[in-house]
Amino acid sequence: MNTLLQNVKTEYKKVVWPSKDETVKSTLLVAAMSVAVSIYVSAFDVIASKILKMMGTFFGG
């Protein structure tokens, strides 16, 4: 158990943590991409729904 904790401590010292600026930029990028993907999926859903509704009307559904 002691060896495990020593190994964890050694590996923890090797970790390179991002700066505050990098963290903020990454967070903003993730938020922007989430919004962009949400808009894309919503637009696809609306278009697909309209197409399916038109097909149902056309084929007598």
N, C-alpha and C. Protein backbone atom coordinates (compact mmCIF):
# COMPACT_ATOMS: atom_id res chain seq x y z
N MET A 1 0.83 -1.19 0.00
CA MET A 1 0.00 0.00 0.00
C MET A 1 0.87 1.25 0.00
N ASN A 2 1.94 1.20 0.74
CA ASN A 2 2.85 2.34 0.83
C ASN A 2 3.49 2.61 -0.53
N THR A 3 3.84 1.55 -1.25
CA THR A 3 4.44 1.70 -2.57
C THR A 3 3.44 2.34 -3.53
N LEU A 4 2.20 1.94 -3.44
CA LEU A 4 1.17 2.52 -4.30
C LEU A 4 1.07 4.03 -4.06
N LEU A 5 1.04 4.44 -2.82
CA LEU A 5 0.94 5.87 -2.51
C LEU A 5 2.17 6.63 -2.99
N GLN A 6 3.33 6.01 -2.90
CA GLN A 6 4.55 6.66 -3.39
C GLN A 6 4.48 6.82 -4.91
N ASN A 7 3.99 5.80 -5.59
CA ASN A 7 3.85 5.86 -7.05
C ASN A 7 2.84 6.94 -7.46
N VAL A 8 1.76 7.03 -6.72
CA VAL A 8 0.76 8.06 -7.00
C VAL A 8 1.37 9.44 -6.83
N LYS A 9 2.10 9.63 -5.76
CA LYS A 9 2.74 10.92 -5.49
C LYS A 9 3.74 11.27 -6.59
N THR A 10 4.51 10.29 -7.03
CA THR A 10 5.49 10.51 -8.10
C THR A 10 4.80 10.90 -9.40
N GLU A 11 3.74 10.19 -9.75
CA GLU A 11 3.02 10.48 -10.99
C GLU A 11 2.30 11.83 -10.90
N TYR A 12 1.81 12.17 -9.74
CA TYR A 12 1.11 13.44 -9.54
C TYR A 12 2.05 14.62 -9.80
N LYS A 13 3.31 14.46 -9.45
CA LYS A 13 4.29 15.52 -9.67
C LYS A 13 4.57 15.72 -11.17
N LYS A 14 4.31 14.71 -11.99
CA LYS A 14 4.56 14.79 -13.43
C LYS A 14 3.43 15.50 -14.19
N VAL A 15 2.29 15.67 -13.54
CA VAL A 15 1.13 16.26 -14.20
C VAL A 15 1.41 17.73 -14.52
N VAL A 16 1.08 18.12 -15.75
CA VAL A 16 1.22 19.52 -16.15
C VAL A 16 -0.19 20.11 -16.21
N TRP A 17 -0.50 21.00 -15.28
CA TRP A 17 -1.82 21.58 -15.20
C TRP A 17 -1.92 22.77 -16.15
N PRO A 18 -3.07 22.95 -16.80
CA PRO A 18 -3.22 24.09 -17.71
C PRO A 18 -3.31 25.41 -16.93
N SER A 19 -2.93 26.49 -17.61
CA SER A 19 -3.03 27.81 -16.98
C SER A 19 -4.50 28.24 -16.93
N LYS A 20 -4.75 29.30 -16.19
CA LYS A 20 -6.12 29.80 -16.09
C LYS A 20 -6.61 30.23 -17.47
N ASP A 21 -5.75 30.88 -18.24
CA ASP A 21 -6.11 31.35 -19.58
C ASP A 21 -6.48 30.17 -20.49
N GLU A 22 -5.69 29.11 -20.45
CA GLU A 22 -5.97 27.91 -21.26
C GLU A 22 -7.30 27.28 -20.84
N THR A 23 -7.54 27.24 -19.54
CA THR A 23 -8.77 26.66 -19.03
C THR A 23 -9.99 27.46 -19.48
N VAL A 24 -9.90 28.78 -19.41
CA VAL A 24 -11.01 29.64 -19.84
C VAL A 24 -11.25 29.47 -21.34
N LYS A 25 -10.20 29.47 -22.14
CA LYS A 25 -10.34 29.31 -23.59
C LYS A 25 -10.97 27.96 -23.94
N SER A 26 -10.52 26.92 -23.27
CA SER A 26 -11.06 25.58 -23.54
C SER A 26 -12.53 25.50 -23.15
N THR A 27 -12.87 26.10 -22.02
CA THR A 27 -14.26 26.09 -21.56
C THR A 27 -15.16 26.84 -22.54
N LEU A 28 -14.70 28.00 -23.01
CA LEU A 28 -15.49 28.77 -23.97
C LEU A 28 -15.64 28.02 -25.29
N LEU A 29 -14.59 27.34 -25.72
CA LEU A 29 -14.66 26.55 -26.95
C LEU A 29 -15.68 25.42 -26.82
N VAL A 30 -15.65 24.73 -25.70
CA VAL A 30 -16.60 23.63 -25.47
C VAL A 30 -18.03 24.17 -25.44
N ALA A 31 -18.24 25.30 -24.78
CA ALA A 31 -19.58 25.89 -24.72
C ALA A 31 -20.06 26.31 -26.12
N ALA A 32 -19.18 26.94 -26.89
CA ALA A 32 -19.54 27.38 -28.25
C ALA A 32 -19.86 26.18 -29.14
N MET A 33 -19.06 25.14 -29.05
CA MET A 33 -19.31 23.95 -29.87
C MET A 33 -20.61 23.27 -29.45
N SER A 34 -20.91 23.26 -28.17
CA SER A 34 -22.17 22.68 -27.69
C SER A 34 -23.36 23.43 -28.27
N VAL A 35 -23.29 24.75 -28.27
CA VAL A 35 -24.36 25.56 -28.84
C VAL A 35 -24.48 25.30 -30.34
N ALA A 36 -23.36 25.26 -31.04
CA ALA A 36 -23.38 25.03 -32.48
C ALA A 36 -23.98 23.67 -32.83
N VAL A 37 -23.60 22.64 -32.11
CA VAL A 37 -24.14 21.30 -32.37
C VAL A 37 -25.63 21.25 -32.03
N SER A 38 -26.03 21.92 -30.96
CA SER A 38 -27.46 21.97 -30.60
C SER A 38 -28.28 22.63 -31.70
N ILE A 39 -27.78 23.73 -32.25
CA ILE A 39 -28.48 24.42 -33.33
C ILE A 39 -28.56 23.51 -34.56
N TYR A 40 -27.47 22.85 -34.89
CA TYR A 40 -27.44 21.95 -36.05
C TYR A 40 -28.44 20.81 -35.88
N VAL A 41 -28.45 20.18 -34.73
CA VAL A 41 -29.36 19.05 -34.48
C VAL A 41 -30.81 19.53 -34.50
N SER A 42 -31.07 20.69 -33.91
CA SER A 42 -32.43 21.23 -33.91
C SER A 42 -32.91 21.53 -35.33
N ALA A 43 -32.04 22.14 -36.13
CA ALA A 43 -32.40 22.44 -37.52
C ALA A 43 -32.67 21.16 -38.30
N PHE A 44 -31.83 20.15 -38.11
CA PHE A 44 -32.03 18.87 -38.78
C PHE A 44 -33.36 18.26 -38.37
N ASP A 45 -33.69 18.34 -37.09
CA ASP A 45 -34.94 17.78 -36.59
C ASP A 45 -36.15 18.47 -37.22
N VAL A 46 -36.11 19.79 -37.29
CA VAL A 46 -37.22 20.54 -37.89
C VAL A 46 -37.37 20.18 -39.36
N ILE A 47 -36.27 20.16 -40.09
CA ILE A 47 -36.32 19.84 -41.52
C ILE A 47 -36.80 18.41 -41.75
N ALA A 48 -36.27 17.46 -40.98
CA ALA A 48 -36.68 16.06 -41.13
C ALA A 48 -38.16 15.89 -40.80
N SER A 49 -38.63 16.58 -39.77
CA SER A 49 -40.05 16.50 -39.41
C SER A 49 -40.94 17.02 -40.53
N LYS A 50 -40.54 18.15 -41.12
CA LYS A 50 -41.34 18.72 -42.22
C LYS A 50 -41.35 17.79 -43.43
N ILE A 51 -40.21 17.21 -43.74
CA ILE A 51 -40.13 16.28 -44.87
C ILE A 51 -41.02 15.07 -44.63
N LEU A 52 -40.95 14.51 -43.43
CA LEU A 52 -41.78 13.34 -43.13
C LEU A 52 -43.26 13.69 -43.13
N LYS A 53 -43.61 14.88 -42.65
CA LYS A 53 -45.01 15.30 -42.67
C LYS A 53 -45.49 15.46 -44.11
N MET A 54 -44.65 16.04 -44.97
CA MET A 54 -45.01 16.20 -46.38
C MET A 54 -45.16 14.84 -47.06
N MET A 55 -44.28 13.91 -46.72
CA MET A 55 -44.37 12.56 -47.30
C MET A 55 -45.65 11.88 -46.85
N GLY A 56 -46.01 12.06 -45.58
CA GLY A 56 -47.25 11.48 -45.08
C GLY A 56 -48.46 12.04 -45.78
N THR A 57 -48.46 13.34 -46.03
CA THR A 57 -49.56 13.98 -46.76
C THR A 57 -49.60 13.50 -48.21
N PHE A 58 -48.44 13.40 -48.81
CA PHE A 58 -48.35 12.99 -50.22
C PHE A 58 -48.83 11.55 -50.41
N PHE A 59 -48.46 10.68 -49.50
CA PHE A 59 -48.82 9.26 -49.63
C PHE A 59 -50.13 8.93 -48.93
N GLY A 60 -50.87 9.92 -48.49
CA GLY A 60 -52.20 9.70 -47.92
C GLY A 60 -52.19 9.28 -46.47
N GLY A 61 -51.18 9.69 -45.71
CA GLY A 61 -51.07 9.29 -44.32
C GLY A 61 -51.83 10.09 -43.35
